[in-house]
Structures are given as C-alpha cells and as structure tokens.
Amino acid sequence: MTKNKKIAFFDTPERHIDLKLRIQYDGFKFSEFIRMLITAYLEGDERIISLVEEQKELKGEQNAKKRKDSKRMHARASKNIDKYALDEEEIESIFDMIEQECPEL
C-alpha cells in the first residue's frame, strides 16, 4: 500500500485565486499542475533548473562559486545523458538483437 504525502504551503488569497484560475484556464487540475512541476524539477528539466538557478542568484541563496559549480555539474550531467542515453527505439533494437542471439532467453 502506497502512502502519499500531502504537500502544502501558504500564500496570499489573491495569489491562490490567480493561480487556480490560471491553472484551470490551461486545462489542468491543481494537483496535476503541481505534480507536473515537481516531476520536471526532480527529473532535471532544463527549463526548471534555469529558473531555479536564476532565483538562487536573485535571492543570493548560494555564493557565486557554489552556483558556478552547480551549473558546471548540471552541464556535465546533461552532456553525459546526451552521450549515453538511449531512446526507446534503440532500446527495442538492443532487445531484438539479444533475442536473435540468444533465443533461449
């Protein structure tokens, strides 16, 4: 049995109403929208990471050296993903080759 956790935060009533209306206008449920953003952040979506880095700089949350190191780390990770990541078609092709070479599996 999966136990879900509730995520909550406080904001002004005006921003809450504006957010709900905007999300509804875009055709999402509130929970769908929040999960979409969380997933994008956790999966390292470059658009979200860029926003986070910008906000850290504006708020002074990290010193310049830490921000630079963080950017370098993200760039290196992105490069490795591009270099080694396989798309669905490539993965399927690998399984096809394994199946041809070892039909007993």
C-alpha atoms as a PDB file:
ATOM      1  CA  MET A   1       0.000   0.000   0.000  1.00  0.00           C
ATOM      2  CA  THR A   2       1.449   3.333  -1.072  1.00  0.00           C
ATOM      3  CA  LYS A   3       1.187   6.150   1.395  1.00  0.00           C
ATOM      4  CA  ASN A   4       1.020   9.535  -0.248  1.00  0.00           C
ATOM      5  CA  LYS A   5       2.250  12.653   1.463  1.00  0.00           C
ATOM      6  CA  LYS A   6       0.460  15.960   1.350  1.00  0.00           C
ATOM      7  CA  ILE A   7       2.436  18.983   0.208  1.00  0.00           C
ATOM      8  CA  ALA A   8       1.140  22.323   1.431  1.00  0.00           C
ATOM      9  CA  PHE A   9       2.333  25.898   1.622  1.00  0.00           C
ATOM     10  CA  PHE A  10       0.887  29.287   2.402  1.00  0.00           C
ATOM     11  CA  ASP A  11       0.383  32.241   0.093  1.00  0.00           C
ATOM     12  CA  THR A  12      -1.933  35.208  -0.145  1.00  0.00           C
ATOM     13  CA  PRO A  13      -5.600  34.650  -1.007  1.00  0.00           C
ATOM     14  CA  GLU A  14      -5.197  36.781  -4.150  1.00  0.00           C
ATOM     15  CA  ARG A  15      -2.281  34.705  -5.474  1.00  0.00           C
ATOM     16  CA  HIS A  16      -4.167  31.499  -4.617  1.00  0.00           C
ATOM     17  CA  ILE A  17      -7.177  32.620  -6.666  1.00  0.00           C
ATOM     18  CA  ASP A  18      -4.971  33.822  -9.549  1.00  0.00           C
ATOM     19  CA  LEU A  19      -3.093  30.521  -9.573  1.00  0.00           C
ATOM     20  CA  LYS A  20      -6.256  28.401  -9.511  1.00  0.00           C
ATOM     21  CA  LEU A  21      -7.813  30.415 -12.331  1.00  0.00           C
ATOM     22  CA  ARG A  22      -4.672  30.265 -14.458  1.00  0.00           C
ATOM     23  CA  ILE A  23      -4.293  26.511 -13.939  1.00  0.00           C
ATOM     24  CA  GLN A  24      -7.963  25.931 -14.811  1.00  0.00           C
ATOM     25  CA  TYR A  25      -7.609  28.137 -17.888  1.00  0.00           C
ATOM     26  CA  ASP A  26      -4.691  25.968 -19.029  1.00  0.00           C
ATOM     27  CA  GLY A  27      -6.846  22.871 -18.583  1.00  0.00           C
ATOM     28  CA  PHE A  28      -5.142  21.289 -15.587  1.00  0.00           C
ATOM     29  CA  LYS A  29      -6.329  20.211 -12.188  1.00  0.00           C
ATOM     30  CA  PHE A  30      -4.394  21.882  -9.386  1.00  0.00           C
ATOM     31  CA  SER A  31      -2.784  18.606  -8.270  1.00  0.00           C
ATOM     32  CA  GLU A  32      -1.832  17.688 -11.854  1.00  0.00           C
ATOM     33  CA  PHE A  33      -0.117  21.020 -12.324  1.00  0.00           C
ATOM     34  CA  ILE A  34       1.869  20.816  -9.091  1.00  0.00           C
ATOM     35  CA  ARG A  35       2.913  17.202  -9.802  1.00  0.00           C
ATOM     36  CA  MET A  36       3.988  18.225 -13.312  1.00  0.00           C
ATOM     37  CA  LEU A  37       6.261  20.928 -11.896  1.00  0.00           C
ATOM     38  CA  ILE A  38       7.668  18.657  -9.207  1.00  0.00           C
ATOM     39  CA  THR A  39       8.393  15.927 -11.756  1.00  0.00           C
ATOM     40  CA  ALA A  40      10.099  18.403 -14.078  1.00  0.00           C
ATOM     41  CA  TYR A  41      12.250  19.643 -11.194  1.00  0.00           C
ATOM     42  CA  LEU A  42      13.175  16.172  -9.956  1.00  0.00           C
ATOM     43  CA  GLU A  43      14.000  14.965 -13.470  1.00  0.00           C
ATOM     44  CA  GLY A  44      16.247  17.970 -14.030  1.00  0.00           C
ATOM     45  CA  ASP A  45      14.210  19.653 -16.755  1.00  0.00           C
ATOM     46  CA  GLU A  46      16.500  22.375 -18.076  1.00  0.00           C
ATOM     47  CA  ARG A  47      13.690  24.972 -18.096  1.00  0.00           C
ATOM     48  CA  ILE A  48      13.015  24.469 -14.399  1.00  0.00           C
ATOM     49  CA  ILE A  49      16.707  24.232 -13.493  1.00  0.00           C
ATOM     50  CA  SER A  50      17.319  27.514 -15.307  1.00  0.00           C
ATOM     51  CA  LEU A  51      14.539  29.184 -13.326  1.00  0.00           C
ATOM     52  CA  VAL A  52      15.898  27.783 -10.045  1.00  0.00           C
ATOM     53  CA  GLU A  53      19.427  28.972 -10.843  1.00  0.00           C
ATOM     54  CA  GLU A  54      18.099  32.437 -11.726  1.00  0.00           C
ATOM     55  CA  GLN A  55      16.130  32.645  -8.478  1.00  0.00           C
ATOM     56  CA  LYS A  56      19.108  31.475  -6.393  1.00  0.00           C
ATOM     57  CA  GLU A  57      21.171  34.256  -7.923  1.00  0.00           C
ATOM     58  CA  LEU A  58      18.488  36.884  -7.345  1.00  0.00           C
ATOM     59  CA  LYS A  59      17.936  35.821  -3.749  1.00  0.00           C
ATOM     60  CA  GLY A  60      21.618  35.311  -3.027  1.00  0.00           C
ATOM     61  CA  GLU A  61      20.877  31.781  -1.810  1.00  0.00           C
ATOM     62  CA  GLN A  62      24.287  30.472  -2.837  1.00  0.00           C
ATOM     63  CA  ASN A  63      27.575  32.198  -3.268  1.00  0.00           C
ATOM     64  CA  ALA A  64      28.889  32.666  -6.803  1.00  0.00           C
ATOM     65  CA  LYS A  65      31.323  29.734  -6.528  1.00  0.00           C
ATOM     66  CA  LYS A  66      28.586  27.274  -5.497  1.00  0.00           C
ATOM     67  CA  ARG A  67      26.303  28.497  -8.299  1.00  0.00           C
ATOM     68  CA  LYS A  68      29.127  28.126 -10.814  1.00  0.00           C
ATOM     69  CA  ASP A  69      29.906  24.604  -9.556  1.00  0.00           C
ATOM     70  CA  SER A  70      26.221  23.707  -9.709  1.00  0.00           C
ATOM     71  CA  LYS A  71      25.923  24.948 -13.301  1.00  0.00           C
ATOM     72  CA  ARG A  72      29.050  23.030 -14.276  1.00  0.00           C
ATOM     73  CA  MET A  73      27.687  19.859 -12.657  1.00  0.00           C
ATOM     74  CA  HIS A  74      24.347  20.203 -14.477  1.00  0.00           C
ATOM     75  CA  ALA A  75      26.132  20.808 -17.787  1.00  0.00           C
ATOM     76  CA  ARG A  76      28.334  17.757 -17.271  1.00  0.00           C
ATOM     77  CA  ALA A  77      25.322  15.610 -16.355  1.00  0.00           C
ATOM     78  CA  SER A  78      23.409  16.841 -19.392  1.00  0.00           C
ATOM     79  CA  LYS A  79      26.371  16.086 -21.638  1.00  0.00           C
ATOM     80  CA  ASN A  80      26.628  12.550 -20.237  1.00  0.00           C
ATOM     81  CA  ILE A  81      22.913  11.974 -20.706  1.00  0.00           C
ATOM     82  CA  ASP A  82      23.166  13.111 -24.318  1.00  0.00           C
ATOM     83  CA  LYS A  83      26.238  10.955 -24.840  1.00  0.00           C
ATOM     84  CA  TYR A  84      24.967   7.715 -23.287  1.00  0.00           C
ATOM     85  CA  ALA A  85      21.179   7.901 -23.218  1.00  0.00           C
ATOM     86  CA  LEU A  86      19.242   5.605 -25.492  1.00  0.00           C
ATOM     87  CA  ASP A  87      15.843   6.376 -26.914  1.00  0.00           C
ATOM     88  CA  GLU A  88      13.005   3.826 -26.956  1.00  0.00           C
ATOM     89  CA  GLU A  89      13.819   2.675 -30.493  1.00  0.00           C
ATOM     90  CA  GLU A  90      17.463   1.977 -29.627  1.00  0.00           C
ATOM     91  CA  ILE A  91      16.475   0.027 -26.518  1.00  0.00           C
ATOM     92  CA  GLU A  92      13.997  -2.040 -28.530  1.00  0.00           C
ATOM     93  CA  SER A  93      16.703  -2.723 -31.122  1.00  0.00           C
ATOM     94  CA  ILE A  94      19.072  -3.970 -28.418  1.00  0.00           C
ATOM     95  CA  PHE A  95      16.434  -6.356 -27.073  1.00  0.00           C
ATOM     96  CA  ASP A  96      15.753  -7.593 -30.612  1.00  0.00           C
ATOM     97  CA  MET A  97      19.465  -8.338 -31.105  1.00  0.00           C
ATOM     98  CA  ILE A  98      19.632 -10.176 -27.773  1.00  0.00           C
ATOM     99  CA  GLU A  99      16.577 -12.204 -28.724  1.00  0.00           C
ATOM    100  CA  GLN A 100      18.136 -13.165 -32.081  1.00  0.00           C
ATOM    101  CA  GLU A 101      21.471 -14.107 -30.491  1.00  0.00           C
ATOM    102  CA  CYS A 102      20.004 -15.959 -27.511  1.00  0.00           C
ATOM    103  CA  PRO A 103      16.524 -17.258 -28.370  1.00  0.00           C
ATOM    104  CA  GLU A 104      16.554 -19.498 -25.274  1.00  0.00           C
ATOM    105  CA  LEU A 105      16.240 -16.420 -23.073  1.00  0.00           C
END
